[in-house]
N, C-alpha and C. Protein backbone atom coordinates (compact mmCIF):
# COMPACT_ATOMS: atom_id res chain seq x y z
N UNK A 1 -187.51 -110.13 -45.79
CA UNK A 1 -188.89 -109.73 -45.62
C UNK A 1 -189.72 -110.33 -46.76
N UNK A 2 -190.83 -110.92 -46.40
CA UNK A 2 -191.72 -111.55 -47.37
C UNK A 2 -193.02 -110.77 -47.41
N UNK A 3 -193.44 -110.37 -48.62
CA UNK A 3 -194.63 -109.54 -48.75
C UNK A 3 -195.55 -110.10 -49.83
N UNK A 4 -196.82 -110.21 -49.50
CA UNK A 4 -197.86 -110.58 -50.47
C UNK A 4 -198.71 -109.35 -50.74
N UNK A 5 -199.09 -109.14 -51.99
CA UNK A 5 -200.02 -108.05 -52.25
C UNK A 5 -201.41 -108.46 -51.75
N UNK A 6 -202.27 -107.50 -51.56
CA UNK A 6 -203.58 -107.75 -50.96
C UNK A 6 -204.40 -108.75 -51.76
N UNK A 7 -204.38 -108.65 -53.07
CA UNK A 7 -205.16 -109.55 -53.92
C UNK A 7 -204.68 -111.00 -53.77
N UNK A 8 -203.38 -111.22 -53.77
CA UNK A 8 -202.83 -112.57 -53.62
C UNK A 8 -203.10 -113.10 -52.22
N UNK A 9 -202.97 -112.25 -51.21
CA UNK A 9 -203.23 -112.64 -49.83
C UNK A 9 -204.67 -113.14 -49.67
N UNK A 10 -205.62 -112.39 -50.22
CA UNK A 10 -207.03 -112.79 -50.14
C UNK A 10 -207.29 -114.08 -50.91
N UNK A 11 -206.63 -114.23 -52.04
CA UNK A 11 -206.79 -115.44 -52.85
C UNK A 11 -206.26 -116.67 -52.10
N UNK A 12 -205.12 -116.52 -51.43
CA UNK A 12 -204.55 -117.63 -50.66
C UNK A 12 -205.51 -118.06 -49.57
N UNK A 13 -206.05 -117.12 -48.81
CA UNK A 13 -206.92 -117.45 -47.69
C UNK A 13 -208.31 -117.88 -48.12
N UNK A 14 -208.68 -117.62 -49.37
CA UNK A 14 -209.97 -118.07 -49.87
C UNK A 14 -209.87 -119.45 -50.52
N UNK A 15 -208.86 -119.66 -51.35
CA UNK A 15 -208.76 -120.89 -52.15
C UNK A 15 -208.06 -122.04 -51.44
N UNK A 16 -206.95 -121.78 -50.79
CA UNK A 16 -206.12 -122.87 -50.24
C UNK A 16 -206.87 -123.74 -49.25
N UNK A 17 -207.68 -123.20 -48.35
CA UNK A 17 -208.40 -124.08 -47.41
C UNK A 17 -209.38 -125.04 -48.08
N UNK A 18 -209.67 -124.85 -49.35
CA UNK A 18 -210.57 -125.78 -50.05
C UNK A 18 -209.81 -126.93 -50.70
N UNK A 19 -208.48 -126.85 -50.77
CA UNK A 19 -207.68 -127.91 -51.37
C UNK A 19 -207.64 -129.12 -50.44
N UNK A 20 -207.70 -130.32 -50.99
CA UNK A 20 -207.57 -131.53 -50.18
C UNK A 20 -206.11 -131.83 -49.86
N UNK A 21 -205.22 -131.52 -50.78
CA UNK A 21 -203.79 -131.75 -50.63
C UNK A 21 -203.09 -130.42 -50.73
N UNK A 22 -202.36 -130.04 -49.67
CA UNK A 22 -201.70 -128.73 -49.63
C UNK A 22 -200.23 -128.94 -49.33
N UNK A 23 -199.39 -128.38 -50.17
CA UNK A 23 -197.95 -128.39 -49.94
C UNK A 23 -197.36 -127.14 -50.58
N UNK A 24 -196.11 -126.89 -50.29
CA UNK A 24 -195.44 -125.74 -50.88
C UNK A 24 -195.48 -125.83 -52.40
N UNK A 25 -195.26 -127.01 -52.93
CA UNK A 25 -195.25 -127.21 -54.38
C UNK A 25 -196.61 -126.90 -55.01
N UNK A 26 -197.68 -127.25 -54.32
CA UNK A 26 -199.03 -127.00 -54.83
C UNK A 26 -199.29 -125.49 -54.92
N UNK A 27 -198.90 -124.76 -53.88
CA UNK A 27 -199.10 -123.31 -53.90
C UNK A 27 -198.26 -122.65 -54.98
N UNK A 28 -197.03 -123.10 -55.15
CA UNK A 28 -196.17 -122.55 -56.20
C UNK A 28 -196.80 -122.77 -57.57
N UNK A 29 -197.33 -123.97 -57.80
CA UNK A 29 -197.90 -124.32 -59.09
C UNK A 29 -199.25 -123.63 -59.35
N UNK A 30 -200.15 -123.71 -58.40
CA UNK A 30 -201.51 -123.20 -58.63
C UNK A 30 -201.63 -121.69 -58.49
N UNK A 31 -200.91 -121.10 -57.54
CA UNK A 31 -201.05 -119.67 -57.27
C UNK A 31 -199.90 -118.84 -57.82
N UNK A 32 -198.92 -119.50 -58.41
CA UNK A 32 -197.75 -118.83 -58.98
C UNK A 32 -197.01 -117.99 -57.94
N UNK A 33 -196.87 -118.53 -56.72
CA UNK A 33 -196.08 -117.89 -55.67
C UNK A 33 -194.67 -118.44 -55.75
N UNK A 34 -193.70 -117.72 -55.18
CA UNK A 34 -192.38 -118.32 -55.07
C UNK A 34 -192.36 -119.17 -53.79
N UNK A 35 -191.36 -119.99 -53.63
CA UNK A 35 -191.30 -120.92 -52.51
C UNK A 35 -191.35 -120.26 -51.14
N UNK A 36 -190.67 -119.13 -51.00
CA UNK A 36 -190.66 -118.42 -49.71
C UNK A 36 -192.05 -117.95 -49.32
N UNK A 37 -192.76 -117.38 -50.27
CA UNK A 37 -194.12 -116.92 -49.99
C UNK A 37 -195.05 -118.09 -49.69
N UNK A 38 -194.87 -119.19 -50.39
CA UNK A 38 -195.71 -120.37 -50.16
C UNK A 38 -195.50 -120.90 -48.74
N UNK A 39 -194.25 -120.97 -48.28
CA UNK A 39 -193.97 -121.45 -46.92
C UNK A 39 -194.60 -120.55 -45.87
N UNK A 40 -194.48 -119.25 -46.06
CA UNK A 40 -195.05 -118.29 -45.11
C UNK A 40 -196.57 -118.39 -45.10
N UNK A 41 -197.18 -118.51 -46.27
CA UNK A 41 -198.64 -118.62 -46.36
C UNK A 41 -199.13 -119.89 -45.66
N UNK A 42 -198.44 -121.00 -45.88
CA UNK A 42 -198.83 -122.27 -45.24
C UNK A 42 -198.69 -122.16 -43.73
N UNK A 43 -197.61 -121.57 -43.27
CA UNK A 43 -197.40 -121.42 -41.82
C UNK A 43 -198.51 -120.57 -41.21
N UNK A 44 -198.90 -119.50 -41.89
CA UNK A 44 -199.98 -118.62 -41.40
C UNK A 44 -201.32 -119.36 -41.36
N UNK A 45 -201.62 -120.13 -42.40
CA UNK A 45 -202.86 -120.90 -42.43
C UNK A 45 -202.89 -121.94 -41.32
N UNK A 46 -201.75 -122.58 -41.06
CA UNK A 46 -201.69 -123.57 -39.98
C UNK A 46 -201.87 -122.91 -38.62
N UNK A 47 -201.23 -121.76 -38.41
CA UNK A 47 -201.37 -121.03 -37.15
C UNK A 47 -202.81 -120.61 -36.88
N UNK A 48 -203.55 -120.31 -37.94
CA UNK A 48 -204.95 -119.92 -37.79
C UNK A 48 -205.88 -121.12 -37.66
N UNK A 49 -205.36 -122.33 -37.84
CA UNK A 49 -206.17 -123.53 -37.71
C UNK A 49 -207.01 -123.86 -38.92
N UNK A 50 -206.71 -123.24 -40.04
CA UNK A 50 -207.48 -123.46 -41.26
C UNK A 50 -207.04 -124.74 -41.96
N UNK A 51 -205.77 -125.09 -41.83
CA UNK A 51 -205.24 -126.34 -42.38
C UNK A 51 -204.52 -127.09 -41.27
N UNK A 52 -204.31 -128.39 -41.47
CA UNK A 52 -203.57 -129.17 -40.47
C UNK A 52 -202.52 -130.03 -41.15
N UNK A 53 -201.43 -130.25 -40.43
CA UNK A 53 -200.31 -131.02 -40.97
C UNK A 53 -200.64 -132.50 -40.99
N UNK A 54 -200.33 -133.16 -42.09
CA UNK A 54 -200.49 -134.60 -42.23
C UNK A 54 -199.17 -135.28 -41.90
N UNK A 55 -198.10 -134.88 -42.58
CA UNK A 55 -196.80 -135.49 -42.36
C UNK A 55 -195.69 -134.54 -42.78
N UNK A 56 -194.51 -134.82 -42.26
CA UNK A 56 -193.32 -134.07 -42.65
C UNK A 56 -192.25 -135.09 -42.99
N UNK A 57 -191.75 -135.01 -44.21
CA UNK A 57 -190.70 -135.92 -44.65
C UNK A 57 -189.59 -135.08 -45.28
N UNK A 58 -188.42 -135.12 -44.69
CA UNK A 58 -187.28 -134.32 -45.15
C UNK A 58 -187.69 -132.85 -45.20
N UNK A 59 -187.70 -132.25 -46.37
CA UNK A 59 -188.07 -130.83 -46.46
C UNK A 59 -189.48 -130.64 -46.99
N UNK A 60 -190.19 -131.70 -47.29
CA UNK A 60 -191.55 -131.61 -47.82
C UNK A 60 -192.56 -131.83 -46.70
N UNK A 61 -193.41 -130.85 -46.49
CA UNK A 61 -194.46 -130.95 -45.48
C UNK A 61 -195.80 -131.00 -46.21
N UNK A 62 -196.67 -131.92 -45.79
CA UNK A 62 -197.96 -132.10 -46.45
C UNK A 62 -199.08 -131.75 -45.48
N UNK A 63 -200.03 -130.97 -45.96
CA UNK A 63 -201.16 -130.52 -45.17
C UNK A 63 -202.46 -130.90 -45.85
N UNK A 64 -203.55 -130.79 -45.10
CA UNK A 64 -204.89 -130.91 -45.66
C UNK A 64 -205.76 -129.87 -44.98
N UNK A 65 -206.94 -129.68 -45.51
CA UNK A 65 -207.86 -128.71 -44.91
C UNK A 65 -208.31 -129.23 -43.55
N UNK A 66 -208.56 -128.33 -42.63
CA UNK A 66 -209.01 -128.70 -41.29
C UNK A 66 -210.53 -128.77 -41.30
N UNK A 67 -211.07 -129.96 -41.06
CA UNK A 67 -212.52 -130.13 -40.99
C UNK A 67 -212.85 -130.99 -39.80
N UNK A 68 -213.96 -130.76 -39.18
CA UNK A 68 -214.45 -131.62 -38.12
C UNK A 68 -213.83 -131.43 -36.75
N UNK A 69 -212.77 -130.69 -36.64
CA UNK A 69 -212.18 -130.43 -35.33
C UNK A 69 -211.58 -131.65 -34.67
N UNK A 70 -211.94 -131.92 -33.41
CA UNK A 70 -211.34 -132.98 -32.61
C UNK A 70 -211.76 -134.37 -33.04
N UNK A 71 -212.86 -134.51 -33.76
CA UNK A 71 -213.32 -135.83 -34.18
C UNK A 71 -212.28 -136.55 -35.03
N UNK A 72 -211.60 -135.82 -35.90
CA UNK A 72 -210.59 -136.44 -36.75
C UNK A 72 -209.38 -136.88 -35.95
N UNK A 73 -208.98 -136.10 -34.96
CA UNK A 73 -207.84 -136.47 -34.14
C UNK A 73 -208.12 -137.73 -33.34
N UNK A 74 -209.34 -137.90 -32.86
CA UNK A 74 -209.71 -139.09 -32.11
C UNK A 74 -209.72 -140.32 -33.00
N UNK A 75 -210.08 -140.15 -34.27
CA UNK A 75 -210.15 -141.27 -35.21
C UNK A 75 -208.77 -141.80 -35.55
N UNK A 76 -207.75 -140.95 -35.47
CA UNK A 76 -206.38 -141.38 -35.79
C UNK A 76 -205.89 -142.23 -34.67
């Protein structure tokens, strides 16, 4: 079971979507979360459409903030 306290939960959902580069390592470093909490937080943000996946290589997944909606997908 993975649990975030309310203050950390609010901080994740306020700050992380403003980052240009988002990964598990970034959340561990900047927010002082452990790896399990960082993975769960990233998964939740992606499910809500706040961030989008850039690439997945081995066990490292890289995300960025979601901006512009479908326009960015068409440009790729």
